[in-house]
């Protein structure tokens, strides 16, 4: 495989008013998403706490249901929390 590039040095990019507005809107969306992820962290921790509590109570089916619900909502830690809680269970 051979790749040939024709490079003539750095180019100055001119941004139209519309491109500038689009870029600024995209940046604002990233900031809002980042702020929402802070709230999502609290949401994730709530599910994790509920999973641990259900396992401690010996309610494994309920803990499994909570884990599945958390995953549907986008929790990245629910399954790991369930597994760890099950490993630590002393019934």
C-alpha atoms as a PDB file:
ATOM      1  CA  UNK A   1       0.000   0.000   0.000  1.00  0.00           C
ATOM      2  CA  UNK A   2       1.347   3.396  -0.911  1.00  0.00           C
ATOM      3  CA  UNK A   3       0.096   6.729   0.327  1.00  0.00           C
ATOM      4  CA  UNK A   4       1.057   9.972  -1.300  1.00  0.00           C
ATOM      5  CA  UNK A   5       0.353  13.302   0.338  1.00  0.00           C
ATOM      6  CA  UNK A   6       0.765  16.745  -1.104  1.00  0.00           C
ATOM      7  CA  UNK A   7       1.456  19.026   1.841  1.00  0.00           C
ATOM      8  CA  UNK A   8       2.293  22.668   1.324  1.00  0.00           C
ATOM      9  CA  UNK A   9       2.599  23.840   4.918  1.00  0.00           C
ATOM     10  CA  UNK A  10       0.164  25.261   7.438  1.00  0.00           C
ATOM     11  CA  UNK A  11      -2.959  26.846   6.105  1.00  0.00           C
ATOM     12  CA  UNK A  12      -4.855  29.687   7.695  1.00  0.00           C
ATOM     13  CA  UNK A  13      -8.423  28.653   8.286  1.00  0.00           C
ATOM     14  CA  UNK A  14     -11.048  31.299   7.866  1.00  0.00           C
ATOM     15  CA  UNK A  15     -14.224  30.729   9.784  1.00  0.00           C
ATOM     16  CA  UNK A  16     -17.531  32.061   8.574  1.00  0.00           C
ATOM     17  CA  UNK A  17     -19.984  33.635  11.023  1.00  0.00           C
ATOM     18  CA  UNK A  18     -22.191  30.524  10.765  1.00  0.00           C
ATOM     19  CA  UNK A  19     -19.246  28.200  11.448  1.00  0.00           C
ATOM     20  CA  UNK A  20     -18.285  30.295  14.467  1.00  0.00           C
ATOM     21  CA  UNK A  21     -21.849  30.099  15.823  1.00  0.00           C
ATOM     22  CA  UNK A  22     -21.937  26.345  15.214  1.00  0.00           C
ATOM     23  CA  UNK A  23     -18.611  25.883  17.013  1.00  0.00           C
ATOM     24  CA  UNK A  24     -19.754  27.973  19.981  1.00  0.00           C
ATOM     25  CA  UNK A  25     -23.058  26.068  20.170  1.00  0.00           C
ATOM     26  CA  UNK A  26     -21.186  22.751  20.143  1.00  0.00           C
ATOM     27  CA  UNK A  27     -18.912  23.963  22.933  1.00  0.00           C
ATOM     28  CA  UNK A  28     -21.926  25.080  24.982  1.00  0.00           C
ATOM     29  CA  UNK A  29     -23.516  21.643  24.497  1.00  0.00           C
ATOM     30  CA  UNK A  30     -20.363  19.955  25.807  1.00  0.00           C
ATOM     31  CA  UNK A  31     -20.408  22.170  28.893  1.00  0.00           C
ATOM     32  CA  UNK A  32     -24.081  21.363  29.551  1.00  0.00           C
ATOM     33  CA  UNK A  33     -23.421  17.626  29.063  1.00  0.00           C
ATOM     34  CA  UNK A  34     -20.503  17.805  31.481  1.00  0.00           C
ATOM     35  CA  UNK A  35     -22.719  19.494  34.069  1.00  0.00           C
ATOM     36  CA  UNK A  36     -25.389  16.830  33.587  1.00  0.00           C
ATOM     37  CA  UNK A  37     -22.840  14.067  34.173  1.00  0.00           C
ATOM     38  CA  UNK A  38     -22.348  15.428  37.688  1.00  0.00           C
ATOM     39  CA  UNK A  39     -26.042  14.841  38.344  1.00  0.00           C
ATOM     40  CA  UNK A  40     -25.776  11.460  36.662  1.00  0.00           C
ATOM     41  CA  UNK A  41     -23.043  10.515  39.147  1.00  0.00           C
ATOM     42  CA  UNK A  42     -25.481  11.051  42.001  1.00  0.00           C
ATOM     43  CA  UNK A  43     -28.070   8.982  40.125  1.00  0.00           C
ATOM     44  CA  UNK A  44     -25.546   6.174  39.587  1.00  0.00           C
ATOM     45  CA  UNK A  45     -24.547   6.208  43.258  1.00  0.00           C
ATOM     46  CA  UNK A  46     -28.201   5.969  44.278  1.00  0.00           C
ATOM     47  CA  UNK A  47     -28.692   2.836  42.178  1.00  0.00           C
ATOM     48  CA  UNK A  48     -25.435   1.341  43.477  1.00  0.00           C
ATOM     49  CA  UNK A  49     -26.559   1.949  47.063  1.00  0.00           C
ATOM     50  CA  UNK A  50     -29.920   0.304  46.371  1.00  0.00           C
ATOM     51  CA  UNK A  51     -28.182  -2.718  44.821  1.00  0.00           C
ATOM     52  CA  UNK A  52     -25.876  -3.111  47.836  1.00  0.00           C
ATOM     53  CA  UNK A  53     -28.802  -2.769  50.274  1.00  0.00           C
ATOM     54  CA  UNK A  54     -30.852  -5.408  48.461  1.00  0.00           C
ATOM     55  CA  UNK A  55     -27.938  -7.850  48.462  1.00  0.00           C
ATOM     56  CA  UNK A  56     -27.244  -7.212  52.169  1.00  0.00           C
ATOM     57  CA  UNK A  57     -30.914  -8.006  52.832  1.00  0.00           C
ATOM     58  CA  UNK A  58     -30.592 -11.248  50.860  1.00  0.00           C
ATOM     59  CA  UNK A  59     -33.024  -9.994  48.198  1.00  0.00           C
ATOM     60  CA  UNK A  60     -30.965 -11.120  45.224  1.00  0.00           C
ATOM     61  CA  UNK A  61     -33.780 -11.021  42.664  1.00  0.00           C
ATOM     62  CA  UNK A  62     -34.585  -7.448  43.680  1.00  0.00           C
ATOM     63  CA  UNK A  63     -30.901  -6.510  43.490  1.00  0.00           C
ATOM     64  CA  UNK A  64     -30.736  -8.044  40.013  1.00  0.00           C
ATOM     65  CA  UNK A  65     -33.833  -6.115  38.921  1.00  0.00           C
ATOM     66  CA  UNK A  66     -32.350  -2.862  40.243  1.00  0.00           C
ATOM     67  CA  UNK A  67     -29.113  -3.593  38.390  1.00  0.00           C
ATOM     68  CA  UNK A  68     -30.983  -4.174  35.128  1.00  0.00           C
ATOM     69  CA  UNK A  69     -33.011  -1.001  35.600  1.00  0.00           C
ATOM     70  CA  UNK A  70     -29.839   0.984  36.331  1.00  0.00           C
ATOM     71  CA  UNK A  71     -28.155  -0.361  33.198  1.00  0.00           C
ATOM     72  CA  UNK A  72     -31.167   0.625  31.090  1.00  0.00           C
ATOM     73  CA  UNK A  73     -30.824   4.131  32.513  1.00  0.00           C
ATOM     74  CA  UNK A  74     -27.146   4.170  31.511  1.00  0.00           C
ATOM     75  CA  UNK A  75     -25.328   3.265  34.723  1.00  0.00           C
ATOM     76  CA  UNK A  76     -21.747   2.268  33.963  1.00  0.00           C
ATOM     77  CA  UNK A  77     -21.196   0.687  37.400  1.00  0.00           C
ATOM     78  CA  UNK A  78     -24.380  -1.230  38.238  1.00  0.00           C
ATOM     79  CA  UNK A  79     -23.186  -4.663  37.104  1.00  0.00           C
ATOM     80  CA  UNK A  80     -19.824  -4.284  38.825  1.00  0.00           C
ATOM     81  CA  UNK A  81     -21.561  -3.128  42.016  1.00  0.00           C
ATOM     82  CA  UNK A  82     -23.902  -6.135  41.907  1.00  0.00           C
ATOM     83  CA  UNK A  83     -21.034  -8.590  41.423  1.00  0.00           C
ATOM     84  CA  UNK A  84     -18.940  -7.039  44.201  1.00  0.00           C
ATOM     85  CA  UNK A  85     -21.906  -6.980  46.585  1.00  0.00           C
ATOM     86  CA  UNK A  86     -22.603 -10.650  45.857  1.00  0.00           C
ATOM     87  CA  UNK A  87     -18.955 -11.549  46.522  1.00  0.00           C
ATOM     88  CA  UNK A  88     -19.070  -9.751  49.888  1.00  0.00           C
ATOM     89  CA  UNK A  89     -22.425 -11.210  50.928  1.00  0.00           C
ATOM     90  CA  UNK A  90     -22.281 -13.160  54.159  1.00  0.00           C
ATOM     91  CA  UNK A  91     -25.624 -14.823  54.663  1.00  0.00           C
END
